[in-house]
Amino acid sequence: MQMYHILRAPFADGITHHTLNHTRKDILGRMKIAFLGTGRMGTELALHLLDEHELVVWNRTKEKTKTLADKGAAVADSPQEAVDGADVVITSLFGPDTVREVVLDANLIPEGTPWLDATTISPQDADSFAEKVPTYVHTPVVGTLTPARNQKLGVYVGTKDAQLRELAAKIVHPWGAANPERIKQVDTAGKAAVGKLLANLALAVTAQGFREALKLGEATGTSAAEVVDMLNSTGLEFIKNMKSPFVLGERDTEPGDFTVNAIAKDVRLMLDTAGELPAAHTALDSLEAQQDKDRGEHDFSAILVYRNED
């Protein structure tokens, strides 16, 4: 049976698959977790691990570790310093190129140490990372900052190794503790990446649909408020409920819950994966128009709010 760094003594002797079905505390105890990438989402994920575990955090921009440091996390000056002696490594970085630079090119993960990667990447990248590091588990999250704070994220947990998959699911449980049925185990890292891209495809395409609904309304003299009301009980109701406060001027697009830059990056991953996706292409055109106007760090509802500037 494959043993992982986290399962060393006292757990290594006689550990069985059944053992992993107990609670996280019973199995894991208090672990030392290296958490790399404390942007806005990474910070929310890491905060939920602080009660049960010792955290050592690293971010390229050190100021972004302050929230976690104030809550008791140790701050490392380098990824290597963070990882030294860690039982588990978790990454929440900007994209696959950053993962390669920070982790793979540096040969950062010690042999046998579970590596949980919440970065949004392509299925091809996820399977490639798993080939290079046998203890790699892709653990992307589905949801924005508010669900993250409230432990209501969806999480995909993907690896071929069933024992490692169960272990990882227990570690990330706090991220979706309020809706544990949304923590989904899948049998490859690539499938976890597919799940995340499908979720963000739905966001991008329905946001584009909402944008066009508003433009259709304007062409007929129908106000934005009336369009928002008319979209109840339609296929656009979810995105309408999420983004109508921005459209109606109740919230500003800066700072964003999910930025133009972030979702545009994810749409490009979709297109790199599947090629011709006409609706995704159209959504990307709208997102890139906002990037061209220096709104990359605004919420992606900017494509709705500034729909008539294109």
Protein backbone atom coordinates (compact mmCIF):
# COMPACT_ATOMS: atom_id res chain seq x y z
CA MET A 1 0.00 0.00 0.00
CA GLN A 2 1.31 3.44 -0.89
CA MET A 3 2.08 5.49 2.21
CA TYR A 4 2.16 9.25 2.09
CA HIS A 5 4.22 11.66 4.13
CA ILE A 6 1.18 12.64 6.17
CA LEU A 7 0.55 9.01 7.12
CA ARG A 8 3.93 8.39 8.73
CA ALA A 9 4.13 7.18 12.32
CA PRO A 10 1.97 6.79 14.30
CA PHE A 11 -0.46 6.10 11.45
CA ALA A 12 1.75 4.19 9.05
CA ASP A 13 1.82 0.92 10.96
CA GLY A 14 -1.29 -1.07 10.12
CA ILE A 15 -3.20 1.72 8.44
CA THR A 16 -6.03 0.44 6.26
CA HIS A 17 -8.39 1.88 3.70
CA HIS A 18 -11.11 1.65 6.37
CA THR A 19 -9.10 3.94 8.66
CA LEU A 20 -9.60 6.80 6.22
CA ASN A 21 -13.35 6.70 6.76
CA HIS A 22 -13.03 8.21 10.26
CA THR A 23 -13.20 11.92 10.94
CA ARG A 24 -10.43 14.29 9.82
CA LYS A 25 -9.30 14.77 13.41
CA ASP A 26 -9.10 11.03 14.03
CA ILE A 27 -6.99 10.44 10.95
CA LEU A 28 -5.05 13.59 10.45
CA GLY A 29 -4.58 15.20 13.80
CA ARG A 30 -2.94 18.60 13.69
CA MET A 31 -0.87 18.87 10.52
CA LYS A 32 1.65 21.33 9.23
CA ILE A 33 0.31 22.64 5.92
CA ALA A 34 2.29 24.74 3.47
CA PHE A 35 -0.14 27.01 1.61
CA LEU A 36 1.27 28.73 -1.47
CA GLY A 37 -0.76 31.53 -3.06
CA THR A 38 -2.70 33.83 -0.74
CA GLY A 39 -4.61 35.97 -3.17
CA ARG A 40 -8.22 36.74 -2.36
CA MET A 41 -9.50 33.18 -2.86
CA GLY A 42 -6.38 31.53 -1.47
CA THR A 43 -6.71 33.57 1.71
CA GLU A 44 -10.30 32.43 2.21
CA LEU A 45 -9.35 28.79 1.69
CA ALA A 46 -6.39 29.00 4.06
CA LEU A 47 -8.42 30.72 6.79
CA HIS A 48 -10.68 27.68 7.06
CA LEU A 49 -7.69 25.44 7.79
CA LEU A 50 -6.22 27.52 10.61
CA ASP A 51 -8.44 26.17 13.40
CA GLU A 52 -7.28 22.58 12.95
CA HIS A 53 -3.79 22.89 11.51
CA GLU A 54 -0.50 24.75 11.64
CA LEU A 55 -0.18 26.89 8.50
CA VAL A 56 2.93 28.23 6.84
CA VAL A 57 1.96 30.55 3.97
CA TRP A 58 3.80 32.10 1.07
CA ASN A 59 2.81 34.58 -1.61
CA ARG A 60 4.92 36.34 -4.22
CA THR A 61 3.53 39.65 -2.94
CA LYS A 62 4.18 39.31 0.78
CA GLU A 63 1.63 41.96 1.78
CA LYS A 64 -1.11 39.55 0.72
CA THR A 65 -0.20 37.19 3.56
CA LYS A 66 -1.07 39.78 6.23
CA THR A 67 -4.63 38.60 6.90
CA LEU A 68 -3.40 35.08 7.57
CA ALA A 69 -0.40 36.24 9.59
CA ASP A 70 -2.72 38.29 11.81
CA LYS A 71 -4.73 35.11 12.45
CA GLY A 72 -1.66 33.11 13.47
CA ALA A 73 -0.20 31.66 10.29
CA ALA A 74 3.57 31.69 9.85
CA VAL A 75 4.84 33.52 6.77
CA ALA A 76 7.67 32.04 4.70
CA ASP A 77 10.07 34.07 2.60
CA SER A 78 10.16 31.46 -0.17
CA PRO A 79 8.15 28.47 -1.40
CA GLN A 80 10.97 26.16 -0.30
CA GLU A 81 10.92 27.57 3.22
CA ALA A 82 7.15 27.04 3.36
CA VAL A 83 7.36 23.44 2.19
CA ASP A 84 10.25 22.33 4.42
CA GLY A 85 8.83 19.94 7.02
CA ALA A 86 5.24 20.25 5.78
CA ASP A 87 2.87 17.29 5.95
CA VAL A 88 0.79 18.61 3.05
CA VAL A 89 1.32 21.26 0.37
CA ILE A 90 -1.64 23.24 -0.99
CA THR A 91 -1.35 25.62 -3.93
CA SER A 92 -3.82 28.28 -5.07
CA LEU A 93 -1.96 30.11 -7.83
CA PHE A 94 -2.99 32.19 -10.84
CA GLY A 95 -2.67 29.55 -13.55
CA PRO A 96 -0.73 26.59 -14.92
CA ASP A 97 2.33 28.62 -15.90
CA THR A 98 2.68 29.84 -12.32
CA VAL A 99 2.34 26.28 -11.03
CA ARG A 100 5.14 25.18 -13.33
CA GLU A 101 7.37 28.07 -12.26
CA VAL A 102 6.78 27.88 -8.51
CA VAL A 103 6.41 24.12 -8.02
CA LEU A 104 7.48 21.90 -10.89
CA ASP A 105 10.54 23.77 -12.17
CA ALA A 106 11.82 23.99 -8.60
CA ASN A 107 11.11 20.29 -7.89
CA LEU A 108 9.39 21.62 -4.79
CA ILE A 109 7.26 18.71 -3.55
CA PRO A 110 9.12 16.26 -1.30
CA GLU A 111 8.66 12.61 -2.24
CA GLY A 112 5.56 11.16 -0.60
CA THR A 113 4.05 14.51 0.42
CA PRO A 114 0.45 15.07 -0.74
CA TRP A 115 0.14 18.09 -3.01
CA LEU A 116 -3.38 19.55 -3.30
CA ASP A 117 -3.65 22.07 -6.13
CA ALA A 118 -6.65 24.42 -6.22
CA THR A 119 -5.34 26.42 -9.19
CA THR A 120 -7.61 26.62 -12.23
CA ILE A 121 -5.80 24.74 -14.99
CA SER A 122 -6.64 22.75 -18.12
CA PRO A 123 -7.39 19.02 -17.98
CA GLN A 124 -4.21 18.38 -19.96
CA ASP A 125 -2.16 20.34 -17.43
CA ALA A 126 -3.78 18.51 -14.51
CA ASP A 127 -2.99 15.08 -15.93
CA SER A 128 0.53 16.21 -16.80
CA PHE A 129 1.15 17.45 -13.24
CA ALA A 130 -0.15 14.14 -11.88
CA GLU A 131 2.28 12.22 -14.07
CA LYS A 132 5.19 14.30 -12.79
CA VAL A 133 4.22 14.21 -9.10
CA PRO A 134 2.49 10.96 -8.03
CA THR A 135 0.99 12.60 -4.92
CA TYR A 136 -0.70 15.36 -6.94
CA VAL A 137 -4.42 15.87 -6.34
CA HIS A 138 -6.33 18.49 -8.30
CA THR A 139 -8.76 20.25 -5.93
CA PRO A 140 -10.30 23.22 -7.80
CA VAL A 141 -13.11 25.09 -6.09
CA VAL A 142 -16.43 26.19 -7.58
CA GLY A 143 -17.80 29.46 -6.28
CA THR A 144 -16.75 33.02 -5.52
CA LEU A 145 -15.58 34.82 -2.38
CA THR A 146 -18.89 34.92 -0.50
CA PRO A 147 -19.47 31.13 -0.72
CA ALA A 148 -15.80 30.68 0.20
CA ARG A 149 -16.24 32.71 3.40
CA ASN A 150 -19.38 30.75 4.28
CA GLN A 151 -17.85 27.30 3.61
CA LYS A 152 -20.25 26.75 0.71
CA LEU A 153 -17.81 26.11 -2.12
CA GLY A 154 -18.03 23.18 -4.44
CA VAL A 155 -14.75 21.25 -4.59
CA TYR A 156 -13.59 18.66 -7.11
CA VAL A 157 -11.05 16.19 -5.76
CA GLY A 158 -9.29 14.35 -8.56
CA THR A 159 -6.60 11.65 -8.56
CA LYS A 160 -6.37 8.03 -9.70
CA ASP A 161 -5.30 6.97 -6.21
CA ALA A 162 -8.45 6.24 -4.20
CA GLN A 163 -6.72 6.38 -0.82
CA LEU A 164 -5.07 9.71 -1.59
CA ARG A 165 -8.38 11.01 -2.98
CA GLU A 166 -10.20 10.25 0.28
CA LEU A 167 -7.43 11.82 2.31
CA ALA A 168 -7.53 15.00 0.19
CA ALA A 169 -11.33 15.19 0.46
CA LYS A 170 -11.03 15.21 4.23
CA ILE A 171 -8.41 17.96 4.16
CA VAL A 172 -10.54 20.26 1.95
CA HIS A 173 -13.79 19.47 3.75
CA PRO A 174 -13.83 22.86 5.56
CA TRP A 175 -14.07 24.65 2.21
CA GLY A 176 -17.49 23.11 1.56
CA ALA A 177 -18.53 22.06 5.06
CA ALA A 178 -21.92 23.80 4.80
CA ASN A 179 -22.76 21.82 1.64
CA PRO A 180 -20.64 18.65 1.85
CA GLU A 181 -22.53 17.03 -1.02
CA ARG A 182 -20.75 19.52 -3.29
CA ILE A 183 -17.36 17.98 -2.50
CA LYS A 184 -17.08 15.58 -5.43
CA GLN A 185 -14.42 12.93 -5.83
CA VAL A 186 -13.41 12.00 -9.39
CA ASP A 187 -10.93 9.40 -10.56
CA THR A 188 -8.42 11.60 -12.41
CA ALA A 189 -6.91 15.03 -11.95
CA GLY A 190 -8.05 15.92 -15.45
CA LYS A 191 -11.71 15.26 -14.64
CA ALA A 192 -11.49 17.65 -11.70
CA ALA A 193 -10.20 20.32 -14.09
CA VAL A 194 -13.08 19.60 -16.48
CA GLY A 195 -15.57 20.13 -13.66
CA LYS A 196 -14.08 23.52 -12.80
CA LEU A 197 -13.98 24.66 -16.43
CA LEU A 198 -17.61 23.61 -16.95
CA ALA A 199 -18.64 25.72 -13.97
CA ASN A 200 -16.82 28.77 -15.29
CA LEU A 201 -18.05 28.17 -18.83
CA ALA A 202 -21.57 28.41 -17.45
CA LEU A 203 -20.70 31.70 -15.71
CA ALA A 204 -19.06 33.25 -18.77
CA VAL A 205 -21.73 32.22 -21.26
CA THR A 206 -24.72 33.12 -19.09
CA ALA A 207 -23.12 36.48 -18.27
CA GLN A 208 -22.85 37.10 -21.99
CA GLY A 209 -26.50 36.08 -22.30
CA PHE A 210 -27.44 38.54 -19.56
CA ARG A 211 -25.46 41.23 -21.39
CA GLU A 212 -27.38 40.58 -24.61
CA ALA A 213 -30.69 40.49 -22.74
CA LEU A 214 -29.95 43.99 -21.41
CA LYS A 215 -29.05 45.21 -24.90
CA LEU A 216 -32.24 43.66 -26.31
CA GLY A 217 -34.21 45.45 -23.62
CA GLU A 218 -32.55 48.77 -24.39
CA ALA A 219 -33.32 48.37 -28.09
CA THR A 220 -37.00 48.11 -27.22
CA GLY A 221 -37.08 50.88 -24.62
CA THR A 222 -37.17 48.44 -21.71
CA SER A 223 -35.16 49.57 -18.68
CA ALA A 224 -32.44 47.49 -17.07
CA ALA A 225 -34.59 47.12 -13.94
CA GLU A 226 -37.48 45.79 -16.05
CA VAL A 227 -35.19 43.34 -17.85
CA VAL A 228 -33.85 42.10 -14.53
CA ASP A 229 -37.40 41.48 -13.33
CA MET A 230 -38.38 39.74 -16.59
CA LEU A 231 -35.46 37.32 -16.30
CA ASN A 232 -37.00 35.65 -13.26
CA SER A 233 -37.86 32.01 -13.97
CA THR A 234 -35.63 31.94 -17.07
CA GLY A 235 -32.37 30.17 -17.78
CA LEU A 236 -30.57 33.40 -16.90
CA GLU A 237 -32.09 33.73 -13.43
CA PHE A 238 -28.99 32.47 -11.60
CA ILE A 239 -26.56 34.89 -13.23
CA LYS A 240 -29.15 37.66 -12.99
CA ASN A 241 -29.44 37.13 -9.23
CA MET A 242 -25.66 37.10 -8.89
CA LYS A 243 -24.90 40.18 -10.99
CA SER A 244 -27.99 42.42 -10.91
CA PRO A 245 -26.66 44.47 -7.94
CA PHE A 246 -23.84 45.60 -10.22
CA VAL A 247 -26.19 46.26 -13.13
CA LEU A 248 -28.58 48.30 -10.99
CA GLY A 249 -25.80 50.39 -9.44
CA GLU A 250 -26.06 48.84 -5.98
CA ARG A 251 -22.44 47.64 -6.10
CA ASP A 252 -19.34 48.92 -7.82
CA THR A 253 -17.37 46.59 -10.09
CA GLU A 254 -14.16 47.30 -8.20
CA PRO A 255 -12.96 45.35 -6.30
CA GLY A 256 -14.33 42.27 -8.00
CA ASP A 257 -15.50 39.00 -6.48
CA PHE A 258 -14.31 37.25 -9.64
CA THR A 259 -12.25 39.50 -11.86
CA VAL A 260 -12.30 40.06 -15.60
CA ASN A 261 -8.68 38.89 -15.77
CA ALA A 262 -9.39 35.68 -13.89
CA ILE A 263 -12.40 34.53 -15.88
CA ALA A 264 -10.81 35.59 -19.17
CA LYS A 265 -7.83 33.38 -18.30
CA ASP A 266 -10.20 30.49 -17.61
CA VAL A 267 -12.09 30.98 -20.89
CA ARG A 268 -8.79 30.85 -22.75
CA LEU A 269 -8.08 27.52 -21.02
CA MET A 270 -11.46 26.26 -22.27
CA LEU A 271 -10.67 27.32 -25.81
CA ASP A 272 -7.20 25.79 -25.65
CA THR A 273 -8.82 22.55 -24.50
CA ALA A 274 -11.79 22.29 -26.85
CA GLY A 275 -11.01 24.57 -29.77
CA GLU A 276 -14.16 25.98 -31.34
CA LEU A 277 -16.61 27.08 -28.63
CA PRO A 278 -18.58 29.92 -30.25
CA ALA A 279 -20.42 31.10 -27.15
CA ALA A 280 -17.19 31.10 -25.12
CA HIS A 281 -15.44 33.04 -27.91
CA THR A 282 -18.15 35.70 -27.79
CA ALA A 283 -17.90 35.96 -24.00
CA LEU A 284 -14.13 36.30 -24.29
CA ASP A 285 -14.54 39.15 -26.78
CA SER A 286 -16.61 41.03 -24.19
CA LEU A 287 -14.10 40.31 -21.43
CA GLU A 288 -11.15 41.40 -23.56
CA ALA A 289 -12.93 44.67 -24.38
CA GLN A 290 -12.94 45.37 -20.63
CA GLN A 291 -9.27 44.42 -20.33
CA ASP A 292 -8.52 46.89 -23.11
CA LYS A 293 -10.17 49.58 -20.97
CA ASP A 294 -7.98 48.73 -17.95
CA ARG A 295 -10.77 46.99 -16.07
CA GLY A 296 -9.03 43.65 -15.73
CA GLU A 297 -9.18 43.77 -11.93
CA HIS A 298 -12.85 44.75 -11.88
CA ASP A 299 -15.57 42.19 -11.28
CA PHE A 300 -16.48 40.45 -14.52
CA SER A 301 -19.92 42.05 -14.27
CA ALA A 302 -18.10 44.93 -15.97
CA ILE A 303 -19.21 43.36 -19.25
CA LEU A 304 -22.77 44.13 -18.13
CA VAL A 305 -22.28 47.50 -16.49
CA TYR A 306 -20.20 48.96 -19.36
CA ARG A 307 -22.00 47.07 -22.12
CA ASN A 308 -22.49 50.15 -24.27
CA GLU A 309 -18.87 51.25 -24.35
CA ASP A 310 -17.74 48.61 -26.85
